[in-house]
């Protein structure tokens, strides 16, 4: 029986390798399975699964999860001991009924909030009379590359023309004003400003390109949300001090999330920098942390002019600027919020916005809290908790500092 099980596993894995071998990274090759022992699983099968180097789930006759890899949890295929998605359950039911090997590409929500999606190539087969094996490969980047590339190249080409053209004109003006020291100084200052803007734009383009090529599920680790907030606030101190803006951190949550710490810090810093950029001098920017219903929420509140309903619909689009002229003056590239949304979606979370003209704005990111913190069960360390979220009540008042209360304090 064991020989048949192993042969079935190896045959199934080679079938998947033949289609998707070029997608296997070194990180994927070192994935090991979650230590969930089940005495009814055939002896030796666990060892074979461990060397497959793929995201996998083994389910029993009632679709209960017998064994799953960390990548299966990171992809959002499994929560606790349950297969999450109906499409996967339908696939296992058909395999169980017909006794055939099936392969299908599915687009599934990454987390309980359903804002980000992952495209996976799933192969399912019977390995014993009782068990079915699901093998999954992340195809998100592969299937979206062409669409993203075409759109991105068009936008980048347009955005780069403005600062490059300005620098070219300023260089000509500088050359023709060699005998006028004041004009040289003025043009040099403007050229420096445009070059700084160009550098910021290029950096954001590089960052966004890196995000689009990153596989968060393969780079995820337990992350302390307080560390993320602390690092993001520290990195935003200089722009805040330049406008005499006080960064106020409210709340402290003993909460962990599963993800890439550097990317999460980048996303939160972008929100804080955006709040600083559009806040008047001598005001405050609030950063709040709280945990509710298995979701970790971090909110950033400013005291700026607020956004209209129309702008709120488009503010997360790449290169969209509410006020293009002001954005150029403040150094905005139009990519910061797009980067935020991309990072948080890849982590199975969501980013929302509350704003009213004249009352400032509150951006809130929500991420699934990592399961297994209270009981210290290391085997559950990589499993996001499956909870649904309810939106925060919209704030109708400000505290004494004039900062919206939504998410500003724990």
Foldseek 3Di string as FASTA:
>chain_A
DVVLLLVVLVVQLVVVCVVCVVQQDPLLQQWAWQPQDDVVPDPPNNVSVRRSSFWKFKAWQVRFTRITTLLCQQQVQDFDRHGDDPVVVVVVVVCLVPQDKDWDWDWAQRAQARPFIWIWIWIWGDSDNTMIMITIDTCRLVVCVVVCVVVLVVVVVVLLCVLVVLLVVLVVQLVVCVVPVVSVVVSVVVNVLSVLLNVVLVVLSVLVVVLSVDQFSSVKDKDFVVVLVVLLVVVCVVLCVVLQEAEAEAEHDRFIAITDSVLSSLLVNLVQNVQSLQAHGPAYWFWFWDDDQQKIKIKIWHQGQWDDPVCQVPLLPAQDDPDVVSCSVSSHRRRNSVSNQSRLSSQSKGWHKDTDGRQTIMIMIMHGTQPDPVVVPPSSRSHGHNGYDDDDDDFDDAPPRSTTPVRRHD
